[in-house]
Amino acid sequence: MRRFRALSLSFTLIAACQSATHAPELEPLGVVESLPVEYESRVAYAGGLAALEEPWDGSEPALPGGATFDVLVDLVSLPAAAAERLIAGNATGLGGWRVGRAAAEAQLAALVESGTAESVSDSRLGIFADRTSYVAVSNQIAFISAFEVEKSAAVLIADPVVDVLQDGIVARVRVSPVAESALLELDVTLAMTDVEHPIQNAEVRIPGSKTPVTLQLPIACRQELRSSFVLASDECAVLSGLATTDPERRLLAFVRAQPLTHGTAPAQRSTAP
């Protein structure tokens, strides 16, 4: 199994309200395997994050006759106590775990239905073998980044330059069948960019003019979670580490995959010695 290649984390500002409804009784998911994770942190002025990166531009063609796969990626926000109960005290920071799919989906559905958990992103991708696909959910935000100044006789004309940045979530997934096995190797990247509101303003004076102009200085926080792991169709990977500003809540990603090719039986891990 390949280890995680990269995980970069910049704190994203996400507000989530805790529901007043009673949380369902949670049974800890049986952790089959803990997954290693690496990360690095970065916070930047939005000028360096003006576009929400699209990790794949569609340039990879499908292989002739290649198998296709159905991949589900759910990102949910839930109280820290519920997350720690769900992963038996392990969901307190950065990490990944392989668990049973049926139990994970049942617990996830109960948490969302009761209002204990809030769905942040619910993505489903159809992917060709050994090809990368992505889905993005984003918002466009316009801001005044500069002024272009022209001088005509004794008159200064300042025209605002409007830039557009995006915040939201991109899920990028690559699926590769494991040789001589029904198992699947997944490379998953979750990229989340969030713009702090309200956007800060700065008044600057144009040389030769007594009237100041106002520039907008958006601050964007970005975090990127990347992992590589092997799954069977009856298993689920749970990833933790995407940050919120609320210390009482956690973000968990639930990743599942299965073949879509007609006639392919669901893959299960062999229990033989």
C-alpha atoms as a PDB file:
ATOM      1  CA  MET A   1       0.000   0.000   0.000  1.00  0.00           C
ATOM      2  CA  ARG A   2       1.295   3.461  -0.817  1.00  0.00           C
ATOM      3  CA  ARG A   3       1.570   5.936   2.011  1.00  0.00           C
ATOM      4  CA  PHE A   4      -0.028   9.366   1.891  1.00  0.00           C
ATOM      5  CA  ARG A   5       2.039  11.593  -0.324  1.00  0.00           C
ATOM      6  CA  ALA A   6       0.983  15.010   0.912  1.00  0.00           C
ATOM      7  CA  LEU A   7      -1.453  16.802   3.108  1.00  0.00           C
ATOM      8  CA  SER A   8      -1.427  20.568   3.401  1.00  0.00           C
ATOM      9  CA  LEU A   9      -3.562  22.333   5.951  1.00  0.00           C
ATOM     10  CA  SER A  10      -4.515  26.005   6.257  1.00  0.00           C
ATOM     11  CA  PHE A  11      -7.239  26.803   8.713  1.00  0.00           C
ATOM     12  CA  THR A  12     -10.663  27.284   7.080  1.00  0.00           C
ATOM     13  CA  LEU A  13     -13.317  29.346   8.810  1.00  0.00           C
ATOM     14  CA  ILE A  14     -16.502  27.307   8.956  1.00  0.00           C
ATOM     15  CA  ALA A  15     -19.356  28.033  11.345  1.00  0.00           C
ATOM     16  CA  ALA A  16     -21.693  25.194  12.270  1.00  0.00           C
ATOM     17  CA  CYS A  17     -24.514  25.370  14.774  1.00  0.00           C
ATOM     18  CA  GLN A  18     -25.089  22.504  17.150  1.00  0.00           C
ATOM     19  CA  SER A  19     -28.596  21.122  16.966  1.00  0.00           C
ATOM     20  CA  ALA A  20     -30.791  21.097  20.005  1.00  0.00           C
ATOM     21  CA  THR A  21     -32.171  17.655  19.134  1.00  0.00           C
ATOM     22  CA  HIS A  22     -30.981  14.632  21.049  1.00  0.00           C
ATOM     23  CA  ALA A  23     -28.046  12.780  19.517  1.00  0.00           C
ATOM     24  CA  PRO A  24     -28.592   9.143  18.599  1.00  0.00           C
ATOM     25  CA  GLU A  25     -26.910   6.421  20.574  1.00  0.00           C
ATOM     26  CA  LEU A  26     -23.507   5.900  18.953  1.00  0.00           C
ATOM     27  CA  GLU A  27     -21.639   2.648  18.783  1.00  0.00           C
ATOM     28  CA  PRO A  28     -17.914   3.054  18.041  1.00  0.00           C
ATOM     29  CA  LEU A  29     -17.013   1.952  14.526  1.00  0.00           C
ATOM     30  CA  GLY A  30     -14.703  -1.027  14.473  1.00  0.00           C
ATOM     31  CA  VAL A  31     -11.389   0.360  13.229  1.00  0.00           C
ATOM     32  CA  VAL A  32      -9.795  -2.233  10.950  1.00  0.00           C
ATOM     33  CA  GLU A  33      -6.655  -0.192  10.261  1.00  0.00           C
ATOM     34  CA  SER A  34      -5.220   3.214  11.090  1.00  0.00           C
ATOM     35  CA  LEU A  35      -3.969   5.180   8.083  1.00  0.00           C
ATOM     36  CA  PRO A  36      -0.810   7.349   8.248  1.00  0.00           C
ATOM     37  CA  VAL A  37      -1.186  11.062   7.459  1.00  0.00           C
ATOM     38  CA  GLU A  38       1.225  13.939   6.828  1.00  0.00           C
ATOM     39  CA  TYR A  39       0.424  17.643   6.651  1.00  0.00           C
ATOM     40  CA  GLU A  40       1.767  21.181   6.342  1.00  0.00           C
ATOM     41  CA  SER A  41       0.070  24.461   7.240  1.00  0.00           C
ATOM     42  CA  ARG A  42      -0.355  27.736   5.367  1.00  0.00           C
ATOM     43  CA  VAL A  43      -2.489  30.868   5.732  1.00  0.00           C
ATOM     44  CA  ALA A  44      -2.336  33.488   2.960  1.00  0.00           C
ATOM     45  CA  TYR A  45      -3.753  36.730   1.638  1.00  0.00           C
ATOM     46  CA  ALA A  46      -6.359  35.903  -1.000  1.00  0.00           C
ATOM     47  CA  GLY A  47      -4.248  37.474  -3.709  1.00  0.00           C
ATOM     48  CA  GLY A  48      -2.279  34.243  -3.718  1.00  0.00           C
ATOM     49  CA  LEU A  49      -5.403  32.090  -3.713  1.00  0.00           C
ATOM     50  CA  ALA A  50      -7.503  33.966  -6.250  1.00  0.00           C
ATOM     51  CA  ALA A  51      -8.803  30.787  -7.880  1.00  0.00           C
ATOM     52  CA  LEU A  52     -10.005  27.608  -6.287  1.00  0.00           C
ATOM     53  CA  GLU A  53      -7.683  25.159  -7.976  1.00  0.00           C
ATOM     54  CA  GLU A  54      -9.206  22.504 -10.159  1.00  0.00           C
ATOM     55  CA  PRO A  55      -6.890  19.552  -9.546  1.00  0.00           C
ATOM     56  CA  TRP A  56      -7.868  17.931 -12.858  1.00  0.00           C
ATOM     57  CA  ASP A  57      -8.557  19.679 -16.167  1.00  0.00           C
ATOM     58  CA  GLY A  58     -10.194  16.783 -17.974  1.00  0.00           C
ATOM     59  CA  SER A  59      -7.159  16.108 -20.150  1.00  0.00           C
ATOM     60  CA  GLU A  60      -6.920  12.410 -19.249  1.00  0.00           C
ATOM     61  CA  PRO A  61      -8.889  10.288 -21.744  1.00  0.00           C
ATOM     62  CA  ALA A  62     -10.654   7.121 -20.660  1.00  0.00           C
ATOM     63  CA  LEU A  63      -8.874   3.881 -21.388  1.00  0.00           C
ATOM     64  CA  PRO A  64     -10.650   1.769 -24.047  1.00  0.00           C
ATOM     65  CA  GLY A  65     -12.784  -0.853 -22.347  1.00  0.00           C
ATOM     66  CA  GLY A  66     -11.664   0.288 -18.899  1.00  0.00           C
ATOM     67  CA  ALA A  67     -13.709  -0.383 -15.788  1.00  0.00           C
ATOM     68  CA  THR A  68     -15.628   2.421 -14.086  1.00  0.00           C
ATOM     69  CA  PHE A  69     -16.114   3.039 -10.388  1.00  0.00           C
ATOM     70  CA  ASP A  70     -18.632   4.782  -8.170  1.00  0.00           C
ATOM     71  CA  VAL A  71     -16.984   6.882  -5.441  1.00  0.00           C
ATOM     72  CA  LEU A  72     -18.849   8.663  -2.650  1.00  0.00           C
ATOM     73  CA  VAL A  73     -17.230  11.382  -0.524  1.00  0.00           C
ATOM     74  CA  ASP A  74     -19.241  12.835   2.372  1.00  0.00           C
ATOM     75  CA  LEU A  75     -17.831  15.656   4.503  1.00  0.00           C
ATOM     76  CA  VAL A  76     -19.756  16.256   7.727  1.00  0.00           C
ATOM     77  CA  SER A  77     -19.430  18.567  10.719  1.00  0.00           C
ATOM     78  CA  LEU A  78     -20.354  17.110  14.102  1.00  0.00           C
ATOM     79  CA  PRO A  79     -19.736  17.754  17.795  1.00  0.00           C
ATOM     80  CA  ALA A  80     -16.308  16.716  19.039  1.00  0.00           C
ATOM     81  CA  ALA A  81     -17.821  14.331  21.586  1.00  0.00           C
ATOM     82  CA  ALA A  82     -19.792  12.522  18.865  1.00  0.00           C
ATOM     83  CA  ALA A  83     -16.755  12.285  16.572  1.00  0.00           C
ATOM     84  CA  GLU A  84     -14.577  10.901  19.339  1.00  0.00           C
ATOM     85  CA  ARG A  85     -17.267   8.399  20.288  1.00  0.00           C
ATOM     86  CA  LEU A  86     -17.658   7.335  16.654  1.00  0.00           C
ATOM     87  CA  ILE A  87     -13.936   6.645  16.199  1.00  0.00           C
ATOM     88  CA  ALA A  88     -13.418   5.461  19.784  1.00  0.00           C
ATOM     89  CA  GLY A  89     -11.520   8.566  20.908  1.00  0.00           C
ATOM     90  CA  ASN A  90      -9.280   8.781  17.823  1.00  0.00           C
ATOM     91  CA  ALA A  91     -10.951  11.633  15.887  1.00  0.00           C
ATOM     92  CA  THR A  92      -9.278  14.385  17.921  1.00  0.00           C
ATOM     93  CA  GLY A  93      -6.841  15.572  15.261  1.00  0.00           C
ATOM     94  CA  LEU A  94      -5.220  14.438  12.051  1.00  0.00           C
ATOM     95  CA  GLY A  95      -5.712  10.819  11.031  1.00  0.00           C
ATOM     96  CA  GLY A  96      -7.435   8.208   8.917  1.00  0.00           C
ATOM     97  CA  TRP A  97      -9.134   4.899   9.621  1.00  0.00           C
ATOM     98  CA  ARG A  98     -10.525   2.001   7.603  1.00  0.00           C
ATOM     99  CA  VAL A  99     -13.871   0.801   8.979  1.00  0.00           C
ATOM    100  CA  GLY A 100     -16.873  -1.282   7.929  1.00  0.00           C
ATOM    101  CA  ARG A 101     -19.009   0.465   5.312  1.00  0.00           C
ATOM    102  CA  ALA A 102     -22.459  -0.650   6.475  1.00  0.00           C
ATOM    103  CA  ALA A 103     -21.885   0.501  10.062  1.00  0.00           C
ATOM    104  CA  ALA A 104     -20.363   3.805   8.951  1.00  0.00           C
ATOM    105  CA  GLU A 105     -23.252   4.620   6.600  1.00  0.00           C
ATOM    106  CA  ALA A 106     -25.847   3.710   9.244  1.00  0.00           C
ATOM    107  CA  GLN A 107     -24.198   5.913  11.857  1.00  0.00           C
ATOM    108  CA  LEU A 108     -23.737   8.770   9.380  1.00  0.00           C
ATOM    109  CA  ALA A 109     -27.400   8.655   8.312  1.00  0.00           C
ATOM    110  CA  ALA A 110     -28.572   8.644  11.946  1.00  0.00           C
ATOM    111  CA  LEU A 111     -26.349  11.603  12.848  1.00  0.00           C
ATOM    112  CA  VAL A 112     -27.533  13.726   9.902  1.00  0.00           C
ATOM    113  CA  GLU A 113     -31.200  12.786  10.351  1.00  0.00           C
ATOM    114  CA  SER A 114     -31.132  13.715  14.045  1.00  0.00           C
ATOM    115  CA  GLY A 115     -29.455  17.047  13.310  1.00  0.00           C
ATOM    116  CA  THR A 116     -26.378  16.139  15.335  1.00  0.00           C
ATOM    117  CA  ALA A 117     -24.219  16.213  12.189  1.00  0.00           C
ATOM    118  CA  GLU A 118     -24.379  18.770   9.387  1.00  0.00           C
ATOM    119  CA  SER A 119     -23.586  17.799   5.811  1.00  0.00           C
ATOM    120  CA  VAL A 120     -20.896  20.158   4.473  1.00  0.00           C
ATOM    121  CA  SER A 121     -20.385  18.412   1.134  1.00  0.00           C
ATOM    122  CA  ASP A 122     -21.971  15.315  -0.422  1.00  0.00           C
ATOM    123  CA  SER A 123     -20.141  14.278  -3.597  1.00  0.00           C
ATOM    124  CA  ARG A 124     -20.560  11.312  -5.925  1.00  0.00           C
ATOM    125  CA  LEU A 125     -18.141  10.661  -8.784  1.00  0.00           C
ATOM    126  CA  GLY A 126     -18.099   8.185 -11.650  1.00  0.00           C
ATOM    127  CA  ILE A 127     -14.447   7.460 -12.427  1.00  0.00           C
ATOM    128  CA  PHE A 128     -12.596   5.414 -15.036  1.00  0.00           C
ATOM    129  CA  ALA A 129      -9.833   3.134 -13.786  1.00  0.00           C
ATOM    130  CA  ASP A 130      -6.433   4.823 -13.439  1.00  0.00           C
ATOM    131  CA  ARG A 131      -7.922   8.229 -14.208  1.00  0.00           C
ATOM    132  CA  THR A 132      -8.524  11.262 -11.999  1.00  0.00           C
ATOM    133  CA  SER A 133     -11.861  13.007 -11.599  1.00  0.00           C
ATOM    134  CA  TYR A 134     -13.085  15.826  -9.411  1.00  0.00           C
ATOM    135  CA  VAL A 135     -16.213  17.630  -8.291  1.00  0.00           C
ATOM    136  CA  ALA A 136     -16.275  21.230  -7.044  1.00  0.00           C
ATOM    137  CA  VAL A 137     -18.846  23.187  -5.046  1.00  0.00           C
ATOM    138  CA  SER A 138     -17.818  26.839  -4.893  1.00  0.00           C
ATOM    139  CA  ASN A 139     -18.993  30.451  -4.627  1.00  0.00           C
ATOM    140  CA  GLN A 140     -17.635  33.394  -6.581  1.00  0.00           C
ATOM    141  CA  ILE A 141     -16.763  36.548  -4.659  1.00  0.00           C
ATOM    142  CA  ALA A 142     -15.984  39.814  -6.463  1.00  0.00           C
ATOM    143  CA  PHE A 143     -13.664  42.404  -4.897  1.00  0.00           C
ATOM    144  CA  ILE A 144     -11.843  45.584  -5.899  1.00  0.00           C
ATOM    145  CA  SER A 145      -8.168  44.663  -6.103  1.00  0.00           C
ATOM    146  CA  ALA A 146      -6.688  47.752  -7.794  1.00  0.00           C
ATOM    147  CA  PHE A 147      -7.315  51.022  -9.598  1.00  0.00           C
ATOM    148  CA  GLU A 148      -6.052  51.916 -13.055  1.00  0.00           C
ATOM    149  CA  VAL A 149      -5.291  55.614 -13.201  1.00  0.00           C
ATOM    150  CA  GLU A 150      -5.372  57.741 -16.343  1.00  0.00           C
ATOM    151  CA  LYS A 151      -4.529  61.416 -16.568  1.00  0.00           C
ATOM    152  CA  SER A 152      -6.262  63.704 -18.996  1.00  0.00           C
ATOM    153  CA  ALA A 153      -5.076  67.312 -18.859  1.00  0.00           C
ATOM    154  CA  ALA A 154      -5.483  68.198 -15.187  1.00  0.00           C
ATOM    155  CA  VAL A 155      -7.997  65.468 -14.454  1.00  0.00           C
ATOM    156  CA  LEU A 156      -7.182  62.077 -12.894  1.00  0.00           C
ATOM    157  CA  ILE A 157      -9.491  59.184 -13.717  1.00  0.00           C
ATOM    158  CA  ALA A 158      -9.295  56.076 -11.500  1.00  0.00           C
ATOM    159  CA  ASP A 159     -11.046  52.981 -12.807  1.00  0.00           C
ATOM    160  CA  PRO A 160     -11.508  50.095 -10.319  1.00  0.00           C
ATOM    161  CA  VAL A 161     -10.187  46.652 -11.241  1.00  0.00           C
ATOM    162  CA  VAL A 162     -12.591  43.931 -10.121  1.00  0.00           C
ATOM    163  CA  ASP A 163     -11.156  40.465  -9.478  1.00  0.00           C
ATOM    164  CA  VAL A 164     -13.085  37.328  -8.648  1.00  0.00           C
ATOM    165  CA  LEU A 165     -11.999  34.687  -6.170  1.00  0.00           C
ATOM    166  CA  GLN A 166     -13.751  31.483  -5.239  1.00  0.00           C
ATOM    167  CA  ASP A 167     -14.294  29.668  -2.004  1.00  0.00           C
ATOM    168  CA  GLY A 168     -15.682  26.183  -1.557  1.00  0.00           C
ATOM    169  CA  ILE A 169     -14.696  22.549  -1.706  1.00  0.00           C
ATOM    170  CA  VAL A 170     -13.021  20.410  -4.364  1.00  0.00           C
ATOM    171  CA  ALA A 171     -12.915  16.630  -4.063  1.00  0.00           C
ATOM    172  CA  ARG A 172     -10.368  14.948  -6.352  1.00  0.00           C
ATOM    173  CA  VAL A 173     -10.212  11.169  -6.601  1.00  0.00           C
ATOM    174  CA  ARG A 174      -8.138   8.653  -8.552  1.00  0.00           C
ATOM    175  CA  VAL A 175      -9.001   4.939  -8.507  1.00  0.00           C
ATOM    176  CA  SER A 176      -6.645   2.109  -9.456  1.00  0.00           C
ATOM    177  CA  PRO A 177      -7.562  -1.583  -9.241  1.00  0.00           C
ATOM    178  CA  VAL A 178      -5.083  -3.613  -7.204  1.00  0.00           C
ATOM    179  CA  ALA A 179      -3.388  -6.265  -9.371  1.00  0.00           C
ATOM    180  CA  GLU A 180      -4.770  -9.793  -8.970  1.00  0.00           C
ATOM    181  CA  SER A 181      -7.299  -8.522  -6.446  1.00  0.00           C
ATOM    182  CA  ALA A 182     -10.806  -7.097  -6.264  1.00  0.00           C
ATOM    183  CA  LEU A 183      -9.554  -4.310  -4.007  1.00  0.00           C
ATOM    184  CA  LEU A 184      -9.253  -0.665  -5.058  1.00  0.00           C
ATOM    185  CA  GLU A 185      -6.458   1.823  -4.366  1.00  0.00           C
ATOM    186  CA  LEU A 186      -7.698   5.398  -3.972  1.00  0.00           C
ATOM    187  CA  ASP A 187      -5.870   8.717  -4.002  1.00  0.00           C
ATOM    188  CA  VAL A 188      -8.175  11.309  -2.423  1.00  0.00           C
ATOM    189  CA  THR A 189      -7.636  15.056  -2.093  1.00  0.00           C
ATOM    190  CA  LEU A 190     -10.090  17.340  -0.313  1.00  0.00           C
ATOM    191  CA  ALA A 191      -9.277  21.026  -0.893  1.00  0.00           C
ATOM    192  CA  MET A 192     -11.283  23.599   1.053  1.00  0.00           C
ATOM    193  CA  THR A 193     -10.908  27.368   0.620  1.00  0.00           C
ATOM    194  CA  ASP A 194     -12.878  29.840   2.711  1.00  0.00           C
ATOM    195  CA  VAL A 195     -12.907  33.648   2.544  1.00  0.00           C
ATOM    196  CA  GLU A 196     -13.129  35.577   5.804  1.00  0.00           C
ATOM    197  CA  HIS A 197     -16.092  37.944   6.055  1.00  0.00           C
ATOM    198  CA  PRO A 198     -16.477  40.853   6.139  1.00  0.00           C
ATOM    199  CA  ILE A 199     -13.739  41.589   3.630  1.00  0.00           C
ATOM    200  CA  GLN A 200     -11.251  44.130   4.978  1.00  0.00           C
ATOM    201  CA  ASN A 201     -10.927  47.531   3.317  1.00  0.00           C
ATOM    202  CA  ALA A 202      -7.911  49.811   2.980  1.00  0.00           C
ATOM    203  CA  GLU A 203      -7.974  53.451   1.934  1.00  0.00           C
ATOM    204  CA  VAL A 204      -5.065  54.545  -0.254  1.00  0.00           C
ATOM    205  CA  ARG A 205      -4.280  57.890  -1.802  1.00  0.00           C
ATOM    206  CA  ILE A 206      -3.518  58.145  -5.514  1.00  0.00           C
ATOM    207  CA  PRO A 207      -0.487  60.352  -6.202  1.00  0.00           C
ATOM    208  CA  GLY A 208      -1.652  63.719  -7.465  1.00  0.00           C
ATOM    209  CA  SER A 209      -5.141  63.379  -5.952  1.00  0.00           C
ATOM    210  CA  LYS A 210      -6.530  64.497  -2.624  1.00  0.00           C
ATOM    211  CA  THR A 211      -9.341  61.914  -2.724  1.00  0.00           C
ATOM    212  CA  PRO A 212      -8.511  58.435  -1.395  1.00  0.00           C
ATOM    213  CA  VAL A 213      -9.802  55.243  -2.996  1.00  0.00           C
ATOM    214  CA  THR A 214     -10.782  52.035  -1.239  1.00  0.00           C
ATOM    215  CA  LEU A 215      -9.183  48.683  -1.972  1.00  0.00           C
ATOM    216  CA  GLN A 216     -10.515  45.393  -0.666  1.00  0.00           C
ATOM    217  CA  LEU A 217      -8.129  42.922   0.976  1.00  0.00           C
ATOM    218  CA  PRO A 218      -9.805  39.514   1.261  1.00  0.00           C
ATOM    219  CA  ILE A 219      -8.188  36.922   3.517  1.00  0.00           C
ATOM    220  CA  ALA A 220      -8.627  33.337   2.295  1.00  0.00           C
ATOM    221  CA  CYS A 221      -7.849  30.307   4.415  1.00  0.00           C
ATOM    222  CA  ARG A 222      -7.133  27.028   2.661  1.00  0.00           C
ATOM    223  CA  GLN A 223      -6.720  23.496   3.857  1.00  0.00           C
ATOM    224  CA  GLU A 224      -5.941  20.440   1.807  1.00  0.00           C
ATOM    225  CA  LEU A 225      -6.268  16.866   2.977  1.00  0.00           C
ATOM    226  CA  ARG A 226      -4.729  14.125   0.871  1.00  0.00           C
ATOM    227  CA  SER A 227      -4.602  10.398   1.445  1.00  0.00           C
ATOM    228  CA  SER A 228      -3.866   7.142  -0.369  1.00  0.00           C
ATOM    229  CA  PHE A 229      -5.350   3.867   0.809  1.00  0.00           C
ATOM    230  CA  VAL A 230      -6.778   0.519  -0.287  1.00  0.00           C
ATOM    231  CA  LEU A 231     -10.469  -0.293   0.164  1.00  0.00           C
ATOM    232  CA  ALA A 232     -12.863  -3.119  -0.499  1.00  0.00           C
ATOM    233  CA  SER A 233     -16.440  -2.346  -1.541  1.00  0.00           C
ATOM    234  CA  ASP A 234     -17.701  -3.250   1.927  1.00  0.00           C
ATOM    235  CA  GLU A 235     -15.295  -0.834   3.643  1.00  0.00           C
ATOM    236  CA  CYS A 236     -15.174   2.919   4.294  1.00  0.00           C
ATOM    237  CA  ALA A 237     -12.234   5.266   4.903  1.00  0.00           C
ATOM    238  CA  VAL A 238     -12.798   7.948   7.554  1.00  0.00           C
ATOM    239  CA  LEU A 239     -10.450  10.955   7.350  1.00  0.00           C
ATOM    240  CA  SER A 240     -10.043  13.589  10.058  1.00  0.00           C
ATOM    241  CA  GLY A 241      -7.993  16.775  10.126  1.00  0.00           C
ATOM    242  CA  LEU A 242      -9.882  19.517   8.275  1.00  0.00           C
ATOM    243  CA  ALA A 243     -10.069  22.345  10.805  1.00  0.00           C
ATOM    244  CA  THR A 244     -12.853  24.583  12.031  1.00  0.00           C
ATOM    245  CA  THR A 245     -12.698  27.625  14.294  1.00  0.00           C
ATOM    246  CA  ASP A 246     -15.098  25.931  16.712  1.00  0.00           C
ATOM    247  CA  PRO A 247     -13.063  23.727  19.094  1.00  0.00           C
ATOM    248  CA  GLU A 248     -16.216  21.827  19.985  1.00  0.00           C
ATOM    249  CA  ARG A 249     -16.772  20.488  16.463  1.00  0.00           C
ATOM    250  CA  ARG A 250     -14.922  18.144  14.095  1.00  0.00           C
ATOM    251  CA  LEU A 251     -14.989  17.617  10.323  1.00  0.00           C
ATOM    252  CA  LEU A 252     -14.940  13.996   9.145  1.00  0.00           C
ATOM    253  CA  ALA A 253     -14.761  12.729   5.561  1.00  0.00           C
ATOM    254  CA  PHE A 254     -16.335   9.364   4.693  1.00  0.00           C
ATOM    255  CA  VAL A 255     -15.011   7.785   1.462  1.00  0.00           C
ATOM    256  CA  ARG A 256     -16.472   4.677  -0.217  1.00  0.00           C
ATOM    257  CA  ALA A 257     -15.922   3.088  -3.645  1.00  0.00           C
ATOM    258  CA  GLN A 258     -17.270   0.201  -5.690  1.00  0.00           C
ATOM    259  CA  PRO A 259     -17.099  -1.042  -9.295  1.00  0.00           C
ATOM    260  CA  LEU A 260     -19.744   0.122 -11.767  1.00  0.00           C
ATOM    261  CA  THR A 261     -18.814  -2.258 -14.592  1.00  0.00           C
ATOM    262  CA  HIS A 262     -21.737  -4.558 -15.368  1.00  0.00           C
ATOM    263  CA  GLY A 263     -21.373  -8.003 -13.865  1.00  0.00           C
ATOM    264  CA  THR A 264     -18.629  -7.081 -11.389  1.00  0.00           C
ATOM    265  CA  ALA A 265     -19.308  -8.452  -7.919  1.00  0.00           C
ATOM    266  CA  PRO A 266     -18.706  -6.209  -4.888  1.00  0.00           C
ATOM    267  CA  ALA A 267     -15.125  -6.550  -3.681  1.00  0.00           C
ATOM    268  CA  GLN A 268     -14.499  -7.914  -0.200  1.00  0.00           C
ATOM    269  CA  ARG A 269     -11.301  -8.587   1.685  1.00  0.00           C
ATOM    270  CA  SER A 270     -10.366 -12.201   2.055  1.00  0.00           C
ATOM    271  CA  THR A 271     -10.515 -13.494   5.617  1.00  0.00           C
ATOM    272  CA  ALA A 272      -8.468 -16.573   4.788  1.00  0.00           C
ATOM    273  CA  PRO A 273      -5.139 -16.897   6.630  1.00  0.00           C
END
